[in-house]
Protein backbone atom coordinates (compact mmCIF):
# COMPACT_ATOMS: atom_id res chain seq x y z
CA MET A 1 7.68 -15.32 -31.43
CA ARG A 2 10.95 -17.07 -30.75
CA GLU A 3 11.21 -20.03 -28.66
CA SER A 4 12.75 -19.87 -25.14
CA SER A 5 16.18 -21.39 -25.00
CA GLU A 6 15.51 -22.57 -21.42
CA THR A 7 12.74 -24.37 -19.92
CA GLY A 8 11.27 -24.79 -16.39
CA PRO A 9 11.53 -22.22 -13.50
CA SER A 10 15.32 -22.08 -13.90
CA ARG A 11 14.77 -18.82 -15.89
CA GLY A 12 12.70 -17.54 -12.94
CA LEU A 13 10.66 -15.06 -15.15
CA ILE A 14 7.29 -14.06 -13.85
CA LEU A 15 5.00 -11.47 -15.39
CA GLY A 16 3.12 -9.67 -12.65
CA ILE A 17 -0.25 -7.90 -13.22
CA GLU A 18 -1.80 -5.55 -10.75
CA SER A 19 -5.22 -3.83 -11.10
CA SER A 20 -6.68 -3.61 -7.67
CA CYS A 21 -7.45 0.06 -7.44
CA ASP A 22 -6.42 3.00 -9.71
CA GLU A 23 -3.18 1.89 -11.20
CA THR A 24 -2.81 -0.55 -14.12
CA ALA A 25 0.57 -2.10 -13.77
CA ALA A 26 2.62 -4.92 -15.24
CA ALA A 27 6.18 -5.96 -14.48
CA VAL A 28 8.67 -8.78 -15.30
CA VAL A 29 10.70 -9.98 -12.36
CA ARG A 30 13.40 -12.54 -12.32
CA SER A 31 13.66 -15.04 -9.44
CA GLY A 32 11.79 -12.63 -7.08
CA THR A 33 14.89 -10.50 -6.99
CA THR A 34 15.43 -8.36 -10.11
CA ALA A 35 12.77 -6.22 -11.75
CA LEU A 36 13.47 -6.28 -15.44
CA SER A 37 10.64 -3.89 -16.04
CA ASN A 38 7.96 -2.07 -14.01
CA VAL A 39 5.30 -0.17 -15.90
CA VAL A 40 2.46 1.76 -14.15
CA ALA A 41 -0.42 3.57 -15.84
CA SER A 42 -1.82 5.87 -13.05
CA GLN A 43 -5.30 7.25 -13.04
CA MET A 44 -4.53 9.78 -10.40
CA SER A 45 -5.42 12.91 -12.45
CA LEU A 46 -8.71 11.36 -13.42
CA HIS A 47 -9.85 10.60 -9.87
CA ALA A 48 -8.48 13.81 -8.49
CA ASN A 49 -11.52 15.61 -10.10
CA TYR A 50 -13.74 13.66 -7.64
CA GLY A 51 -11.48 13.73 -4.56
CA GLY A 52 -11.22 9.89 -4.49
CA VAL A 53 -11.34 6.76 -6.61
CA VAL A 54 -14.55 6.21 -8.52
CA PRO A 55 -14.81 2.43 -9.04
CA GLU A 56 -16.67 2.44 -12.36
CA LEU A 57 -14.22 4.86 -13.91
CA ALA A 58 -11.26 2.87 -12.54
CA SER A 59 -12.49 -0.31 -14.26
CA ARG A 60 -13.00 1.36 -17.54
CA GLU A 61 -9.41 2.72 -17.45
CA HIS A 62 -8.05 -0.70 -16.62
CA LEU A 63 -9.85 -2.04 -19.75
CA ARG A 64 -8.18 0.62 -21.82
CA ASN A 65 -4.71 0.18 -20.27
CA ILE A 66 -4.21 -3.42 -19.59
CA VAL A 67 -2.99 -4.56 -23.00
CA PRO A 68 -0.62 -1.66 -23.77
CA VAL A 69 0.75 -1.76 -20.28
CA VAL A 70 1.64 -5.49 -20.46
CA ARG A 71 3.15 -4.98 -23.95
CA GLU A 72 5.27 -2.25 -22.69
CA ALA A 73 6.54 -4.31 -19.75
CA MET A 74 7.45 -7.21 -21.90
CA ALA A 75 9.22 -4.92 -24.33
CA ARG A 76 11.23 -3.15 -21.65
CA ALA A 77 12.23 -6.43 -20.11
CA ASN A 78 13.29 -7.71 -23.58
CA VAL A 79 11.49 -10.97 -23.15
CA THR A 80 8.69 -12.85 -25.02
CA PHE A 81 5.71 -14.61 -23.62
CA ALA A 82 7.31 -17.90 -24.31
CA ASP A 83 10.25 -16.96 -21.94
CA LEU A 84 7.89 -16.62 -19.01
CA ASP A 85 7.64 -19.29 -16.33
CA ALA A 86 4.42 -18.01 -14.92
CA VAL A 87 1.91 -15.11 -14.84
CA ALA A 88 0.95 -13.64 -11.37
CA VAL A 89 -2.08 -11.49 -10.81
CA THR A 90 -3.66 -9.70 -7.81
CA GLU A 91 -6.63 -11.72 -6.49
CA GLY A 92 -7.62 -9.13 -3.81
CA PRO A 93 -8.30 -7.09 -1.74
CA GLY A 94 -9.44 -4.18 -3.93
CA LEU A 95 -12.23 -2.99 -6.09
CA ALA A 96 -14.21 -5.89 -7.62
CA GLY A 97 -14.46 -4.52 -11.18
CA ALA A 98 -10.82 -3.41 -11.22
CA LEU A 99 -9.55 -6.75 -9.97
CA LEU A 100 -11.63 -8.62 -12.57
CA VAL A 101 -9.95 -6.77 -15.43
CA GLY A 102 -6.48 -8.03 -14.37
CA ILE A 103 -7.66 -11.55 -13.45
CA THR A 104 -9.57 -12.08 -16.70
CA TYR A 105 -6.72 -10.92 -18.80
CA ALA A 106 -4.19 -13.00 -16.81
CA LYS A 107 -6.42 -16.20 -17.11
CA ALA A 108 -6.80 -15.68 -20.89
CA LEU A 109 -3.03 -15.12 -21.25
CA THR A 110 -2.01 -18.24 -19.34
CA PHE A 111 -4.64 -20.41 -21.07
CA GLY A 112 -3.22 -19.35 -24.48
CA LEU A 113 0.31 -19.79 -23.39
CA ASP A 114 -0.19 -22.93 -21.40
CA LYS A 115 1.63 -21.32 -18.43
CA PRO A 116 0.76 -21.60 -14.74
CA LEU A 117 -1.27 -18.82 -13.04
CA ILE A 118 -0.33 -17.55 -9.60
CA SER A 119 -2.84 -15.51 -7.47
CA VAL A 120 -1.32 -13.05 -5.09
CA ASN A 121 -2.73 -11.07 -2.07
CA HIS A 122 -2.18 -7.45 -2.64
CA LEU A 123 -1.05 -6.88 0.90
CA GLU A 124 1.53 -9.61 0.65
CA GLY A 125 2.76 -7.95 -2.51
CA HIS A 126 3.49 -4.73 -0.58
CA ILE A 127 5.60 -6.73 1.88
CA HIS A 128 7.63 -8.49 -0.82
CA ALA A 129 8.26 -5.19 -2.67
CA VAL A 130 10.59 -4.30 0.26
CA LEU A 131 12.08 -7.81 0.51
CA MET A 132 12.74 -7.85 -3.19
CA GLU A 133 14.67 -4.56 -3.12
CA ALA A 134 16.64 -5.74 -0.13
CA ARG A 135 17.68 -8.83 -1.98
CA GLU A 136 18.53 -6.79 -5.04
CA ARG A 137 20.85 -4.64 -2.98
CA SER A 138 22.41 -7.78 -1.57
CA ASP A 139 21.52 -6.82 1.90
CA ALA A 140 21.61 -9.25 4.58
CA PRO A 141 18.25 -11.14 4.78
CA MET A 142 15.76 -9.42 7.13
CA GLU A 143 15.80 -11.46 10.40
CA LEU A 144 12.74 -13.58 11.16
CA PRO A 145 10.19 -13.29 12.43
CA LEU A 146 9.71 -9.88 10.95
CA LEU A 147 7.00 -7.42 11.74
CA ALA A 148 5.47 -5.78 8.56
CA LEU A 149 3.49 -2.48 8.69
CA VAL A 150 1.42 -2.25 5.58
CA VAL A 151 -0.04 1.32 5.45
CA SER A 152 -1.75 2.89 2.53
CA GLY A 153 -4.94 4.61 1.43
CA GLY A 154 -7.06 1.47 1.93
CA HIS A 155 -5.01 -0.52 4.46
CA THR A 156 -3.27 -0.14 7.86
CA HIS A 157 -2.23 -3.52 9.06
CA LEU A 158 0.50 -5.16 11.22
CA TYR A 159 1.64 -8.72 10.29
CA LEU A 160 4.05 -11.02 11.96
CA ALA A 161 5.71 -12.81 9.04
CA GLN A 162 8.05 -15.77 8.84
CA GLN A 163 8.94 -18.76 6.64
CA ARG A 164 8.01 -22.34 7.50
CA GLY A 165 8.31 -25.86 6.08
CA THR A 166 10.68 -27.44 3.62
CA ASP A 167 9.63 -25.07 0.84
CA ALA A 168 10.12 -21.98 3.04
CA THR A 169 6.49 -20.87 2.52
CA TRP A 170 5.66 -17.49 3.96
CA THR A 171 3.08 -17.31 6.74
CA TYR A 172 1.38 -14.28 8.17
CA ARG A 173 -0.30 -13.52 11.45
CA ASN A 174 -2.42 -10.42 11.49
CA VAL A 175 -1.75 -8.74 14.80
CA GLY A 176 -3.17 -5.27 14.17
CA ARG A 177 -5.51 -3.42 11.80
CA THR A 178 -7.50 -0.26 11.50
CA VAL A 179 -11.02 -0.58 12.83
CA ASP A 180 -12.25 2.29 10.60
CA ASP A 181 -10.30 4.66 8.35
CA ALA A 182 -6.87 3.68 7.06
CA ALA A 183 -4.07 6.12 7.69
CA GLY A 184 -3.88 7.12 4.01
CA GLU A 185 -7.64 7.50 3.94
CA ALA A 186 -7.47 9.97 6.84
CA TYR A 187 -4.77 11.93 5.00
CA ASP A 188 -7.08 12.13 1.94
CA LYS A 189 -10.07 13.21 3.90
CA VAL A 190 -8.20 15.90 5.90
CA ALA A 191 -6.50 17.23 2.76
CA LYS A 192 -9.89 17.53 0.99
CA LEU A 193 -11.37 19.19 4.18
CA LEU A 194 -8.48 21.85 4.06
CA GLY A 195 -8.95 22.54 0.33
CA LEU A 196 -5.84 20.68 -0.78
CA GLY A 197 -5.36 18.25 -3.61
CA TYR A 198 -5.75 14.46 -4.01
CA PRO A 199 -4.18 12.19 -2.92
CA GLY A 200 -3.69 13.93 0.38
CA GLY A 201 -0.56 12.34 1.57
CA PRO A 202 1.97 14.24 -0.56
CA TRP A 203 0.24 17.66 0.13
CA ILE A 204 0.22 17.25 3.89
CA ASP A 205 3.78 15.78 3.85
CA ALA A 206 5.13 18.76 1.83
CA LEU A 207 3.41 21.38 4.05
CA ALA A 208 3.87 19.89 7.56
CA PRO A 209 7.58 20.91 7.86
CA HIS A 210 6.42 24.63 7.76
CA GLY A 211 4.18 24.22 10.84
CA ASN A 212 4.47 23.61 14.47
CA PRO A 213 3.72 19.85 15.12
CA ARG A 214 2.75 20.50 18.76
CA ALA A 215 0.41 23.49 18.18
CA VAL A 216 -2.72 21.34 18.26
CA PRO A 217 -2.65 18.53 20.78
CA PHE A 218 -4.29 15.70 19.01
CA THR A 219 -4.64 12.45 20.98
CA PHE A 220 -5.68 8.81 20.26
CA GLY A 221 -7.92 7.17 22.82
CA GLU A 222 -7.81 3.41 23.70
CA ILE A 223 -9.70 1.25 21.26
CA LYS A 224 -12.52 -0.51 22.98
CA HIS A 225 -13.45 -3.75 21.27
CA ARG A 226 -16.93 -5.06 21.51
CA ALA A 227 -17.25 -8.79 22.01
CA PRO A 228 -18.18 -10.61 18.77
CA ARG A 229 -21.72 -11.96 18.51
CA GLU A 230 -22.63 -15.03 16.54
CA GLY A 231 -23.93 -14.21 13.05
CA VAL A 232 -23.19 -10.62 13.29
CA THR A 233 -20.29 -8.94 11.35
CA ASN A 234 -18.43 -6.66 13.75
CA LYS A 235 -15.73 -4.60 12.19
CA LYS A 236 -14.47 -3.57 15.65
CA ALA A 237 -13.99 -7.07 16.86
CA PRO A 238 -10.32 -7.74 17.87
CA THR A 239 -7.92 -9.32 15.32
CA THR A 240 -7.11 -12.00 17.82
CA THR A 241 -8.87 -13.21 20.96
CA GLU A 242 -5.57 -13.68 22.89
CA GLY A 243 -2.96 -11.24 24.20
CA ARG A 244 -2.62 -7.59 23.41
CA HIS A 245 -4.22 -5.81 20.50
CA PHE A 246 -2.28 -3.44 18.23
CA ASP A 247 -5.10 -1.96 16.26
CA PHE A 248 -5.48 1.48 14.79
CA SER A 249 -8.31 4.14 14.47
CA PHE A 250 -8.11 7.29 12.41
CA SER A 251 -11.66 8.41 12.19
CA GLY A 252 -11.38 10.31 15.47
CA ILE A 253 -8.53 12.54 14.38
CA LYS A 254 -10.33 13.37 11.13
CA THR A 255 -13.24 14.45 13.15
CA ALA A 256 -11.06 16.48 15.43
CA VAL A 257 -9.61 18.37 12.53
CA LEU A 258 -13.15 19.17 11.32
CA ARG A 259 -14.06 20.56 14.77
CA TYR A 260 -10.89 22.72 14.77
CA VAL A 261 -11.77 24.16 11.32
CA GLU A 262 -15.23 24.98 12.59
CA THR A 263 -14.34 26.49 15.93
CA HIS A 264 -11.52 28.53 14.40
CA HIS A 265 -13.51 29.84 11.46
CA LEU A 266 -11.21 28.54 8.76
CA ARG A 267 -13.96 27.72 6.16
CA GLU A 268 -13.47 31.05 4.10
CA ASP A 269 -9.77 30.57 3.74
CA ILE A 270 -10.25 26.97 2.79
CA GLU A 271 -12.68 27.86 0.00
CA VAL A 272 -10.23 30.45 -1.33
CA ARG A 273 -7.45 27.83 -1.39
CA ARG A 274 -9.70 25.24 -3.02
CA ALA A 275 -10.68 27.63 -5.74
CA ALA A 276 -7.07 28.71 -6.38
CA LEU A 277 -5.90 25.11 -6.79
CA ALA A 278 -8.83 24.22 -9.06
CA ALA A 279 -7.91 27.20 -11.26
CA ASN A 280 -4.36 25.78 -11.61
CA PRO A 281 -4.53 21.94 -11.80
CA LEU A 282 -0.90 21.66 -12.79
CA ILE A 283 0.23 22.89 -9.49
CA THR A 284 2.09 20.35 -7.27
CA PRO A 285 2.45 20.06 -3.51
CA LYS A 286 5.91 21.39 -3.43
CA ASP A 287 5.29 24.52 -5.39
CA GLU A 288 5.96 27.76 -3.50
CA ALA A 289 2.50 28.96 -4.55
CA VAL A 290 0.77 26.26 -2.32
CA LEU A 291 2.72 27.49 0.76
CA LYS A 292 1.49 31.08 0.18
CA LEU A 293 -2.06 29.80 0.08
CA CYS A 294 -1.75 28.57 3.72
CA ASP A 295 -1.63 30.84 6.73
CA GLN A 296 0.43 29.83 9.76
CA GLN A 297 -2.55 28.53 11.74
CA THR A 298 -3.39 26.09 8.85
CA LEU A 299 0.26 25.01 8.63
CA ASP A 300 0.32 24.31 12.24
CA LEU A 301 -2.81 22.27 12.00
CA ILE A 302 -1.33 20.30 9.16
CA ALA A 303 1.94 19.64 11.03
CA SER A 304 0.04 18.60 14.21
CA PHE A 305 -2.13 16.17 12.37
CA GLN A 306 0.83 14.43 10.67
CA TYR A 307 2.78 14.39 13.84
CA ALA A 308 -0.11 12.68 15.72
CA VAL A 309 -0.74 10.13 12.98
CA VAL A 310 2.84 9.18 12.52
CA GLY A 311 3.26 8.97 16.32
CA ASN A 312 0.35 6.55 16.58
CA LEU A 313 1.78 4.36 13.73
CA ILE A 314 5.13 4.26 15.53
CA LYS A 315 3.62 3.58 18.94
CA GLN A 316 1.64 0.55 17.82
CA THR A 317 4.43 -0.79 15.64
CA ALA A 318 7.06 -0.57 18.29
CA ALA A 319 4.61 -2.13 20.98
CA ALA A 320 3.85 -5.00 18.66
CA ALA A 321 7.55 -5.62 17.75
CA GLU A 322 8.50 -5.75 21.51
CA SER A 323 5.55 -7.87 22.57
CA LEU A 324 5.83 -10.39 19.72
CA GLY A 325 9.64 -10.69 19.66
CA ALA A 326 10.01 -9.43 16.10
CA ARG A 327 13.71 -9.30 14.98
CA SER A 328 13.18 -6.80 12.09
CA ILE A 329 10.63 -4.38 10.65
CA VAL A 330 9.39 -3.90 7.18
CA VAL A 331 7.24 -0.92 6.18
CA SER A 332 5.33 -0.80 3.00
CA GLY A 333 2.35 0.78 1.10
CA GLY A 334 1.77 4.24 -0.14
CA VAL A 335 2.17 5.94 3.27
CA ALA A 336 5.60 4.48 3.50
CA ALA A 337 6.72 7.28 1.19
CA ASN A 338 5.95 9.85 3.95
CA SER A 339 9.15 11.45 4.90
CA GLU A 340 8.30 12.04 8.64
CA LEU A 341 7.17 8.44 9.02
CA ARG A 342 10.48 7.29 7.47
CA ARG A 343 12.70 9.55 9.59
CA ARG A 344 10.84 8.90 12.96
CA LEU A 345 10.30 5.14 12.49
CA GLN A 346 13.99 4.73 11.45
CA ALA A 347 15.06 6.53 14.58
CA GLU A 348 12.80 4.30 16.81
CA ALA A 349 14.12 1.15 15.17
CA ASP A 350 17.69 2.30 15.60
CA ARG A 351 17.00 3.02 19.26
CA ARG A 352 15.68 -0.44 19.70
CA GLY A 353 18.52 -2.09 17.74
CA LEU A 354 16.04 -3.43 15.13
CA PRO A 355 16.88 -3.67 11.46
CA ILE A 356 14.20 -1.82 9.39
CA ALA A 357 13.60 -1.50 5.59
CA PHE A 358 11.39 0.75 3.55
CA PRO A 359 10.48 0.46 -0.20
CA SER A 360 11.81 2.96 -2.70
CA LEU A 361 9.33 5.71 -3.59
CA ALA A 362 8.62 3.93 -6.88
CA LEU A 363 7.55 0.76 -5.06
CA SER A 364 5.69 2.38 -2.25
CA THR A 365 2.46 2.81 -4.31
CA ASP A 366 0.69 -0.02 -6.16
CA ASN A 367 2.85 -1.70 -8.76
CA ALA A 368 3.19 -5.10 -10.34
CA ALA A 369 6.82 -5.77 -9.51
CA MET A 370 5.62 -6.50 -6.04
CA ILE A 371 3.09 -8.99 -7.30
CA ALA A 372 5.67 -10.82 -9.35
CA ALA A 373 8.03 -10.91 -6.36
CA ALA A 374 5.44 -12.34 -3.90
CA ALA A 375 4.68 -15.04 -6.61
CA TRP A 376 8.21 -16.32 -6.67
CA PRO A 377 8.01 -18.57 -3.54
CA LYS A 378 4.65 -19.80 -4.76
CA LEU A 379 6.17 -20.82 -8.10
CA LEU A 380 8.87 -22.77 -6.36
CA ALA A 381 6.17 -24.43 -4.27
CA GLN A 382 3.95 -25.03 -7.34
CA ASN A 383 1.17 -23.25 -5.54
CA PHE A 384 -0.85 -22.33 -8.51
CA ALA A 385 -4.32 -20.70 -8.89
CA ALA A 386 -7.43 -22.73 -9.39
CA GLU A 387 -9.19 -22.57 -12.72
CA ASP A 388 -12.23 -20.77 -11.16
CA LEU A 389 -10.08 -17.99 -9.68
CA GLY A 390 -12.15 -14.81 -9.24
CA ALA A 391 -11.87 -11.37 -7.58
CA THR A 392 -11.99 -11.39 -3.82
CA PRO A 393 -12.47 -7.75 -2.84
CA GLN A 394 -12.23 -8.44 0.95
CA LEU A 395 -9.48 -10.94 0.84
CA ARG A 396 -7.67 -11.22 4.07
CA LEU A 397 -3.97 -12.08 4.53
CA GLY A 398 -2.82 -14.69 7.04
CA HIS A 399 -4.64 -15.59 10.15
CA PRO A 400 -5.50 -13.65 13.41
């Protein structure tokens, strides 16, 4: 291994490692701005057989993939381990066993290299994926405070983010969250209910344009928070005890779709569609054959579901931005790839005169470039992980 020609953080090279769920990922990013490599080993086809992520299987796949994925990321970046200034790894939230694979590997690597280790919150990583690409495009910096909508299969959160202090450390205030299903989780469950593939987002997004979005009038009721009781964990407790709440709930619309299926006797058609897709596992959401498997009533149901979910995401985001005085909006997470969400939220931001940024499709889903990008400010502040770093499956970002 050749010696680095430069020392200290001036090279700005961080190896990011991400293993929170069902993607094993590694990336090398320079100065939080330029991704020199970004390698992702997806387990999607494995978990599709079960209609969702199986934690034990995910952990085993991470064990198989972590070493070759890191090697590939280093090779594509054309750097050596000696060139690195630090290694960053996802601490949480996520699946405990999956997180431990990445953390254990990263700790061993930094110990052997005598390099600093930086722990990163997965949700913060999603936000910095968008900020990194904006800097890479040389766009004007997003005006602060910015409102970040992090929306994926496991998370639906709103954060008010800004930089404070002499080292410009990022701070986050959680101003909204889901009290039950995340938006992406609702997509997965509805797609499974309708006999479509996993993950559900791409299937519903591809089919929705062929239906009438106003055919089924789905509505979202007001979320009623129960007062917290001492010593009792209450998931529906408000994220903040002051001011308005901008929380989400998607379990109700999932139940409404189930009722529609039952009252309109769609079960038989669903099972035919499910069997047809199982017989052809290589079929993709945009294949013409998928459209032929759905009658107009089903397409209208799908379009109405997406229209309502996207509408609720926009309503809460816009209300939070106005109430909290946000000067820009960042959208990130797997559901940020949804075409209708991008189109309608862009239009709403334009109407309000707010700058808005979305991630590229490649950085919408879990990846390691976002982890390395989020680690860059921490490297500058020398905010390194403790030696006893472990997995924190329920790790929160920021404060209420």
